Structure formats: C-alpha cells, structure tokens
Amino acid sequence: MHRKIFSVGNSKGVSIPADYLGRLDLAVGAEVEVTLDEDHDRIVIEPVRKRKPPKGVDRVFVSQVNEFIEKYRPALKELAKK
C-alpha cells in the first residue's frame, strides 16, 4: 500500500490504515517503536508491548521501580558512566 509523507509540525508523518491498527490492537495514543533498518533501507514501526512481570513479582513494586527510573533517569545515566 502506498502512502505519502506529510508534515506534522516540525516532523513528518505517514498515516497507518485503520485495519492494520485493528489487526495489531492499536489505537490513537498507543506507543510504537520506530527504528531505521539501514541494511535493508527501511523504516520499521513496531508496537510497544508492555512486558508482564515474572511470576511472583508484585505489579505495584514493578510500577514503583519504573516510576523511580523515569524520575531519576538522567542521574542514573550519569552514574552508569562512572
């Protein structure tokens, strides 16, 4: 299916057919990962699927850890360099 690239603010966009989104259970606001496959000269768009915590791990704890990481990401990146 051919699509045209269009302007979206300072970026560019491509519309995704509704039936494709439906097949992947995606809707407006869903997160996708956009990567460049230079070996094959293509742009790859994949759904971001939330991974389930391992069995026996409390979901609330996982949520708290994720919030901590998001809040302190810059500091954690600096610490990782040392």
N, C-alpha and C. Protein backbone atom coordinates (compact mmCIF):
# COMPACT_ATOMS: atom_id res chain seq x y z
N MET A 1 0.84 -1.17 0.00
CA MET A 1 0.00 0.00 0.00
C MET A 1 0.89 1.24 0.00
N HIS A 2 0.67 2.13 -0.91
CA HIS A 2 1.46 3.36 -0.99
C HIS A 2 0.82 4.44 -0.13
N ARG A 3 1.66 5.20 0.54
CA ARG A 3 1.23 6.34 1.36
C ARG A 3 2.16 7.50 1.06
N LYS A 4 1.70 8.72 1.33
CA LYS A 4 2.55 9.90 1.15
C LYS A 4 2.96 10.42 2.52
N ILE A 5 4.17 10.94 2.57
CA ILE A 5 4.69 11.57 3.79
C ILE A 5 4.12 12.98 3.85
N PHE A 6 3.68 13.40 5.04
CA PHE A 6 3.12 14.74 5.22
C PHE A 6 3.74 15.40 6.44
N SER A 7 3.61 16.71 6.52
CA SER A 7 4.18 17.48 7.63
C SER A 7 3.28 17.41 8.86
N VAL A 8 3.93 17.27 10.02
CA VAL A 8 3.26 17.29 11.31
C VAL A 8 4.13 18.17 12.20
N GLY A 9 3.82 19.47 12.26
CA GLY A 9 4.68 20.38 12.99
C GLY A 9 6.05 20.42 12.35
N ASN A 10 7.11 20.21 13.15
CA ASN A 10 8.47 20.19 12.63
C ASN A 10 8.89 18.80 12.17
N SER A 11 8.00 17.83 12.30
CA SER A 11 8.31 16.45 11.92
C SER A 11 7.55 16.08 10.65
N LYS A 12 7.66 14.84 10.29
CA LYS A 12 6.93 14.30 9.15
C LYS A 12 6.16 13.07 9.63
N GLY A 13 5.08 12.73 8.92
CA GLY A 13 4.27 11.59 9.33
C GLY A 13 3.75 10.81 8.15
N VAL A 14 3.23 9.63 8.46
CA VAL A 14 2.59 8.76 7.48
C VAL A 14 1.35 8.19 8.15
N SER A 15 0.22 8.20 7.46
CA SER A 15 -0.98 7.62 8.06
C SER A 15 -0.91 6.10 7.97
N ILE A 16 -1.48 5.45 8.97
CA ILE A 16 -1.49 3.99 9.04
C ILE A 16 -2.94 3.54 8.86
N PRO A 17 -3.19 2.64 7.92
CA PRO A 17 -4.57 2.20 7.69
C PRO A 17 -5.22 1.64 8.95
N ALA A 18 -6.49 1.97 9.14
CA ALA A 18 -7.23 1.55 10.33
C ALA A 18 -7.28 0.04 10.48
N ASP A 19 -7.38 -0.69 9.37
CA ASP A 19 -7.45 -2.15 9.50
C ASP A 19 -6.12 -2.74 9.98
N TYR A 20 -5.00 -2.10 9.64
CA TYR A 20 -3.70 -2.55 10.16
C TYR A 20 -3.66 -2.34 11.67
N LEU A 21 -4.12 -1.17 12.10
CA LEU A 21 -4.12 -0.88 13.54
C LEU A 21 -5.03 -1.85 14.28
N GLY A 22 -6.17 -2.14 13.69
CA GLY A 22 -7.11 -3.08 14.31
C GLY A 22 -6.52 -4.48 14.45
N ARG A 23 -5.81 -4.92 13.42
CA ARG A 23 -5.19 -6.26 13.48
C ARG A 23 -4.15 -6.36 14.59
N LEU A 24 -3.50 -5.23 14.90
CA LEU A 24 -2.46 -5.22 15.93
C LEU A 24 -2.99 -4.72 17.27
N ASP A 25 -4.30 -4.49 17.34
CA ASP A 25 -4.94 -3.99 18.56
C ASP A 25 -4.31 -2.68 19.03
N LEU A 26 -4.12 -1.76 18.09
CA LEU A 26 -3.54 -0.44 18.38
C LEU A 26 -4.59 0.63 18.13
N ALA A 27 -4.48 1.73 18.85
CA ALA A 27 -5.40 2.85 18.69
C ALA A 27 -4.62 4.14 18.86
N VAL A 28 -5.29 5.26 18.66
CA VAL A 28 -4.66 6.56 18.85
C VAL A 28 -4.11 6.63 20.28
N GLY A 29 -2.88 7.05 20.41
CA GLY A 29 -2.24 7.13 21.73
C GLY A 29 -1.37 5.93 22.07
N ALA A 30 -1.47 4.85 21.28
CA ALA A 30 -0.65 3.67 21.52
C ALA A 30 0.81 4.01 21.25
N GLU A 31 1.70 3.39 21.99
CA GLU A 31 3.13 3.61 21.78
C GLU A 31 3.67 2.65 20.74
N VAL A 32 4.54 3.19 19.87
CA VAL A 32 5.22 2.36 18.87
C VAL A 32 6.71 2.69 18.91
N GLU A 33 7.50 1.74 18.50
CA GLU A 33 8.95 1.90 18.40
C GLU A 33 9.27 2.11 16.92
N VAL A 34 9.98 3.19 16.60
CA VAL A 34 10.36 3.48 15.22
C VAL A 34 11.87 3.30 15.11
N THR A 35 12.28 2.40 14.24
CA THR A 35 13.71 2.14 14.05
C THR A 35 14.06 2.23 12.56
N LEU A 36 15.33 2.49 12.31
CA LEU A 36 15.84 2.56 10.95
C LEU A 36 16.66 1.30 10.68
N ASP A 37 16.23 0.54 9.71
CA ASP A 37 16.95 -0.66 9.28
C ASP A 37 17.78 -0.26 8.07
N GLU A 38 19.01 0.21 8.33
CA GLU A 38 19.87 0.70 7.25
C GLU A 38 20.31 -0.41 6.31
N ASP A 39 20.41 -1.63 6.82
CA ASP A 39 20.83 -2.75 5.97
C ASP A 39 19.84 -3.01 4.84
N HIS A 40 18.57 -2.74 5.11
CA HIS A 40 17.52 -3.00 4.11
C HIS A 40 16.82 -1.73 3.64
N ASP A 41 17.38 -0.55 3.98
CA ASP A 41 16.81 0.73 3.57
C ASP A 41 15.32 0.83 3.88
N ARG A 42 14.97 0.64 5.14
CA ARG A 42 13.56 0.74 5.51
C ARG A 42 13.38 1.28 6.92
N ILE A 43 12.21 1.81 7.16
CA ILE A 43 11.80 2.28 8.48
C ILE A 43 10.86 1.22 9.04
N VAL A 44 11.09 0.81 10.28
CA VAL A 44 10.28 -0.23 10.90
C VAL A 44 9.50 0.38 12.06
N ILE A 45 8.19 0.18 12.06
CA ILE A 45 7.32 0.65 13.14
C ILE A 45 6.72 -0.58 13.81
N GLU A 46 7.00 -0.73 15.11
CA GLU A 46 6.50 -1.90 15.85
C GLU A 46 5.77 -1.45 17.11
N PRO A 47 4.70 -2.17 17.47
CA PRO A 47 4.01 -1.83 18.71
C PRO A 47 4.92 -2.05 19.92
N VAL A 48 4.79 -1.17 20.91
CA VAL A 48 5.48 -1.37 22.18
C VAL A 48 4.54 -2.18 23.05
N ARG A 49 4.95 -3.36 23.39
CA ARG A 49 4.13 -4.24 24.23
C ARG A 49 4.70 -4.21 25.63
N LYS A 50 3.84 -3.96 26.57
CA LYS A 50 4.27 -3.96 27.97
C LYS A 50 4.55 -5.40 28.38
N ARG A 51 5.74 -5.62 28.91
CA ARG A 51 6.09 -6.96 29.37
C ARG A 51 5.47 -7.20 30.73
N LYS A 52 4.98 -8.40 30.91
CA LYS A 52 4.40 -8.78 32.19
C LYS A 52 5.53 -9.11 33.15
N PRO A 53 5.38 -8.71 34.43
CA PRO A 53 6.43 -9.06 35.39
C PRO A 53 6.49 -10.57 35.59
N PRO A 54 7.67 -11.09 35.95
CA PRO A 54 7.80 -12.52 36.20
C PRO A 54 6.84 -12.98 37.29
N LYS A 55 6.47 -14.21 37.21
CA LYS A 55 5.54 -14.78 38.19
C LYS A 55 6.11 -14.61 39.60
N GLY A 56 5.28 -14.14 40.51
CA GLY A 56 5.69 -13.94 41.88
C GLY A 56 6.19 -12.53 42.18
N VAL A 57 6.34 -11.69 41.14
CA VAL A 57 6.79 -10.31 41.35
C VAL A 57 5.56 -9.41 41.41
N ASP A 58 5.50 -8.60 42.45
CA ASP A 58 4.35 -7.73 42.68
C ASP A 58 4.28 -6.62 41.63
N ARG A 59 3.13 -6.47 40.98
CA ARG A 59 2.95 -5.45 39.94
C ARG A 59 3.11 -4.03 40.49
N VAL A 60 2.67 -3.81 41.71
CA VAL A 60 2.80 -2.48 42.33
C VAL A 60 4.28 -2.13 42.48
N PHE A 61 5.08 -3.10 42.92
CA PHE A 61 6.52 -2.89 43.06
C PHE A 61 7.14 -2.56 41.71
N VAL A 62 6.78 -3.30 40.68
CA VAL A 62 7.31 -3.05 39.34
C VAL A 62 6.94 -1.64 38.90
N SER A 63 5.73 -1.23 39.16
CA SER A 63 5.28 0.11 38.80
C SER A 63 6.09 1.18 39.54
N GLN A 64 6.35 0.95 40.82
CA GLN A 64 7.15 1.90 41.61
C GLN A 64 8.57 1.99 41.08
N VAL A 65 9.16 0.87 40.73
CA VAL A 65 10.52 0.86 40.18
C VAL A 65 10.55 1.63 38.85
N ASN A 66 9.56 1.39 37.99
CA ASN A 66 9.50 2.09 36.71
C ASN A 66 9.35 3.60 36.90
N GLU A 67 8.54 4.02 37.86
CA GLU A 67 8.37 5.45 38.15
C GLU A 67 9.70 6.05 38.64
N PHE A 68 10.40 5.32 39.50
CA PHE A 68 11.69 5.77 40.02
C PHE A 68 12.68 5.96 38.86
N ILE A 69 12.73 4.98 37.97
CA ILE A 69 13.66 5.04 36.84
C ILE A 69 13.33 6.24 35.96
N GLU A 70 12.06 6.47 35.68
CA GLU A 70 11.68 7.62 34.84
C GLU A 70 12.04 8.93 35.52
N LYS A 71 11.78 9.04 36.81
CA LYS A 71 12.04 10.27 37.54
C LYS A 71 13.53 10.59 37.61
N TYR A 72 14.35 9.57 37.82
CA TYR A 72 15.78 9.77 38.03
C TYR A 72 16.64 9.30 36.86
N ARG A 73 16.05 9.16 35.67
CA ARG A 73 16.78 8.65 34.51
C ARG A 73 18.08 9.42 34.24
N PRO A 74 18.05 10.77 34.22
CA PRO A 74 19.32 11.50 33.96
C PRO A 74 20.41 11.16 34.98
N ALA A 75 20.05 11.12 36.25
CA ALA A 75 21.04 10.82 37.29
C ALA A 75 21.54 9.38 37.15
N LEU A 76 20.66 8.46 36.83
CA LEU A 76 21.05 7.06 36.66
C LEU A 76 22.00 6.90 35.47
N LYS A 77 21.75 7.66 34.40
CA LYS A 77 22.64 7.60 33.24
C LYS A 77 24.03 8.12 33.59
N GLU A 78 24.09 9.18 34.38
CA GLU A 78 25.39 9.72 34.80
C GLU A 78 26.12 8.73 35.71
N LEU A 79 25.39 8.11 36.61
CA LEU A 79 26.02 7.11 37.49
C LEU A 79 26.55 5.92 36.70
N ALA A 80 25.84 5.55 35.64
CA ALA A 80 26.26 4.41 34.84
C ALA A 80 27.58 4.66 34.12
N LYS A 81 27.90 5.94 33.89
CA LYS A 81 29.14 6.29 33.20
C LYS A 81 30.36 6.12 34.09
N LYS A 82 30.12 6.11 35.42
CA LYS A 82 31.25 6.06 36.36
C LYS A 82 31.66 4.66 36.70
